[in-house]
Protein backbone atom coordinates (compact mmCIF):
# COMPACT_ATOMS: atom_id res chain seq x y z
CA MET A 1 135.93 61.52 134.22
CA THR A 2 132.79 63.36 135.17
CA ALA A 3 129.52 63.80 133.37
CA PRO A 4 127.80 67.16 133.22
CA VAL A 5 126.03 67.98 136.46
CA ALA A 6 122.38 68.89 136.11
CA VAL A 7 119.72 70.14 138.47
CA SER A 8 116.71 69.18 136.41
CA ARG A 9 112.97 69.83 136.48
CA GLU A 10 110.91 69.20 133.38
CA GLY A 11 109.38 72.20 131.66
CA HIS A 12 111.85 74.76 132.96
CA ARG A 13 114.61 76.77 131.27
CA LEU A 14 118.12 75.30 131.29
CA LEU A 15 121.35 77.25 131.90
CA CYS A 16 124.50 75.48 130.70
CA ALA A 17 127.53 76.85 132.58
CA ILE A 18 130.84 76.07 130.91
CA LEU A 19 133.67 76.06 133.43
CA LEU A 20 137.38 75.22 133.22
CA ASN A 21 137.62 71.76 134.76
CA PRO A 22 135.99 69.69 137.50
CA PRO A 23 136.94 70.22 141.14
CA LEU A 24 138.31 67.40 143.28
CA ARG A 25 135.13 67.32 145.39
CA PRO A 26 131.52 67.05 144.19
CA ALA A 27 130.56 70.15 142.21
CA VAL A 28 127.40 70.68 144.28
CA ASP A 29 129.59 71.22 147.37
CA THR A 30 131.53 74.14 145.86
CA ILE A 31 131.15 77.91 146.10
CA SER A 32 131.05 77.94 142.28
CA HIS A 33 127.89 75.85 142.29
CA ARG A 34 126.25 78.03 144.94
CA ASN A 35 127.12 81.14 142.94
CA LEU A 36 125.77 79.60 139.75
CA LEU A 37 122.50 78.86 141.52
CA ALA A 38 122.31 82.59 142.28
CA ALA A 39 122.73 83.23 138.55
CA LEU A 40 119.66 81.21 137.58
CA PRO A 41 117.07 83.96 138.17
CA VAL A 42 119.30 86.54 136.44
CA THR A 43 119.40 84.39 133.31
CA GLY A 44 115.72 83.47 133.49
CA CYS A 45 116.54 79.81 134.08
CA THR A 46 115.52 77.29 136.70
CA GLU A 47 117.82 74.38 135.83
CA LEU A 48 121.61 74.21 135.86
CA ARG A 49 123.92 71.98 133.85
CA LEU A 50 127.71 72.12 134.19
CA ALA A 51 130.33 71.25 131.60
CA ASN A 52 134.09 71.78 131.48
CA LEU A 53 136.60 72.77 128.82
CA ILE A 54 138.99 70.11 130.11
CA ASP A 55 137.40 67.15 131.86
CA LEU A 56 140.31 66.42 134.20
CA GLN A 57 139.98 67.15 137.90
CA SER A 58 142.47 69.39 139.67
CA LYS A 59 142.61 71.53 142.81
CA ASP A 60 143.61 74.69 140.90
CA GLN A 61 144.99 76.09 137.65
CA LYS A 62 148.58 75.39 138.64
CA GLN A 63 147.86 71.71 139.13
CA LEU A 64 145.83 71.60 135.91
CA ALA A 65 148.78 73.11 134.02
CA SER A 66 150.97 70.24 135.25
CA LEU A 67 148.66 67.49 133.95
CA ILE A 68 149.14 65.61 130.71
CA VAL A 69 146.11 66.18 128.50
CA THR A 70 145.70 63.70 125.65
CA GLY A 71 143.76 63.94 122.42
CA HIS A 72 141.36 61.40 123.89
CA ASP A 73 140.80 63.72 126.87
CA LEU A 74 139.99 66.63 124.55
CA GLU A 75 137.62 64.56 122.44
CA ARG A 76 135.80 63.27 125.54
CA SER A 77 135.53 66.86 126.82
CA ARG A 78 134.12 68.03 123.48
CA GLN A 79 131.52 65.28 123.47
CA GLN A 80 130.44 66.26 126.97
CA LEU A 81 130.42 69.96 126.08
CA SER A 82 128.33 69.28 122.99
CA GLN A 83 125.84 67.23 124.99
CA ALA A 84 125.65 69.89 127.70
CA ILE A 85 125.04 72.70 125.22
CA GLU A 86 122.31 70.76 123.39
CA GLY A 87 118.98 71.63 124.88
CA ALA A 88 120.30 74.64 126.77
CA ASP A 89 118.15 77.74 126.74
CA GLU A 90 121.05 79.90 127.92
CA VAL A 91 124.82 79.42 128.03
CA LEU A 92 127.20 80.96 130.55
CA PHE A 93 130.95 81.19 129.95
CA GLY A 94 132.79 80.81 133.25
CA TRP A 95 136.14 79.13 132.62
CA GLY A 96 138.16 81.94 134.13
CA ALA A 97 139.54 85.34 133.29
CA GLY A 98 143.12 84.36 134.10
CA GLY A 99 145.13 81.92 132.11
CA VAL A 100 146.39 78.41 132.54
CA THR A 101 150.06 78.31 131.54
CA GLY A 102 152.08 76.06 129.27
CA ALA A 103 150.85 73.37 126.93
CA VAL A 104 147.61 72.89 128.85
CA GLY A 105 146.96 76.64 128.62
CA ARG A 106 147.18 76.41 124.83
CA LEU A 107 144.71 73.51 124.89
CA VAL A 108 142.33 75.52 127.09
CA LYS A 109 142.39 78.35 124.54
CA GLU A 110 141.77 75.82 121.76
CA GLN A 111 138.84 74.32 123.68
CA ALA A 112 137.38 77.79 124.37
CA ALA A 113 137.56 78.61 120.65
CA TRP A 114 135.86 75.30 119.86
CA VAL A 115 133.09 76.06 122.37
CA ARG A 116 132.48 79.51 120.89
CA THR A 117 132.21 77.98 117.41
CA HIS A 118 129.94 75.18 118.64
CA VAL A 119 127.66 77.62 120.49
CA GLY A 120 127.34 79.73 117.34
CA ALA A 121 126.67 76.68 115.17
CA ARG A 122 123.98 75.61 117.62
CA GLY A 123 122.24 78.96 116.95
CA ILE A 124 122.80 80.43 120.39
CA ARG A 125 123.13 84.17 119.77
CA THR A 126 123.98 85.36 123.27
CA VAL A 127 126.03 84.06 126.18
CA TRP A 128 126.24 85.20 129.79
CA MET A 129 129.42 86.43 131.47
CA VAL A 130 130.44 88.48 134.48
CA ALA A 131 131.78 91.91 133.52
CA GLY A 132 132.22 90.83 129.89
CA THR A 133 134.73 88.08 130.65
CA PRO A 134 134.38 84.34 131.29
CA ARG A 135 135.18 84.97 134.98
CA HIS A 136 135.02 81.75 137.00
CA PRO A 137 132.05 81.57 139.41
CA SER A 138 134.41 80.87 142.32
CA ARG A 139 135.63 84.46 141.92
CA TRP A 140 132.28 86.20 141.57
CA ARG A 141 131.82 87.09 145.25
CA GLN A 142 135.29 88.56 145.39
CA PHE A 143 134.69 90.53 142.18
CA VAL A 144 131.41 92.08 143.34
CA GLY A 145 132.33 92.36 147.02
CA PRO A 146 131.39 95.68 148.63
CA GLU A 147 135.01 96.36 149.55
CA LYS A 148 135.93 96.49 145.83
CA ARG A 149 133.28 99.17 145.18
CA ARG A 150 132.81 98.00 141.61
CA VAL A 151 129.09 97.48 142.02
CA GLU A 152 126.44 98.97 144.30
CA GLY A 153 123.99 96.72 146.10
CA SER A 154 123.14 95.36 149.52
CA SER A 155 123.63 91.67 148.71
CA PHE A 156 125.75 89.43 146.52
CA GLU A 157 122.68 88.55 144.47
CA GLU A 158 121.78 92.21 143.90
CA ARG A 159 125.34 93.07 142.84
CA LEU A 160 125.52 89.97 140.61
CA THR A 161 122.47 91.12 138.65
CA LYS A 162 124.42 94.23 137.66
CA VAL A 163 127.51 92.44 136.29
CA LEU A 164 126.13 89.15 134.94
CA THR A 165 125.02 90.23 131.48
CA SER A 166 124.39 88.70 128.10
CA HIS A 167 126.71 89.33 125.17
CA ALA A 168 126.51 88.50 121.49
CA SER A 169 128.20 85.12 121.16
CA SER A 170 129.83 86.27 117.91
CA ALA A 171 131.56 89.12 119.75
CA VAL A 172 133.07 86.98 122.51
CA LEU A 173 136.82 86.53 122.18
């Protein structure tokens, strides 16, 4: 349905963020996109490309779990993921720390395993995640919010730098 979204400038470093699935509205209008832009300096990148484990739009995980996902959908998603990962200087896993239920949830796990294998085969040795999990960018502000007291810092960006860290791609579950 949707092609990877890129904010591109030649000669700069590219961050490929792998999310769960596309939102119903344009990605650039979402809090996830704004949060990912804040991640660019942390990762040493200046360009952002988005890709999704399942390339079917939904408003949330519950709606995604109710969709029928075909083999054609998975293959299309894998082609887009492969294209998005190619040329990336850094990869960020952000498909969510929670789980999609049912048959679609099993497919999400299968896609995530495929991505991890593909990233390793591509020679990418590290991936970025928040607090060691593929936490979705829409949840980052909540996770690092001052009321949670998980992270010290005067701004979202300062707190994000403390939890958005690189991990060996071979060690990611």
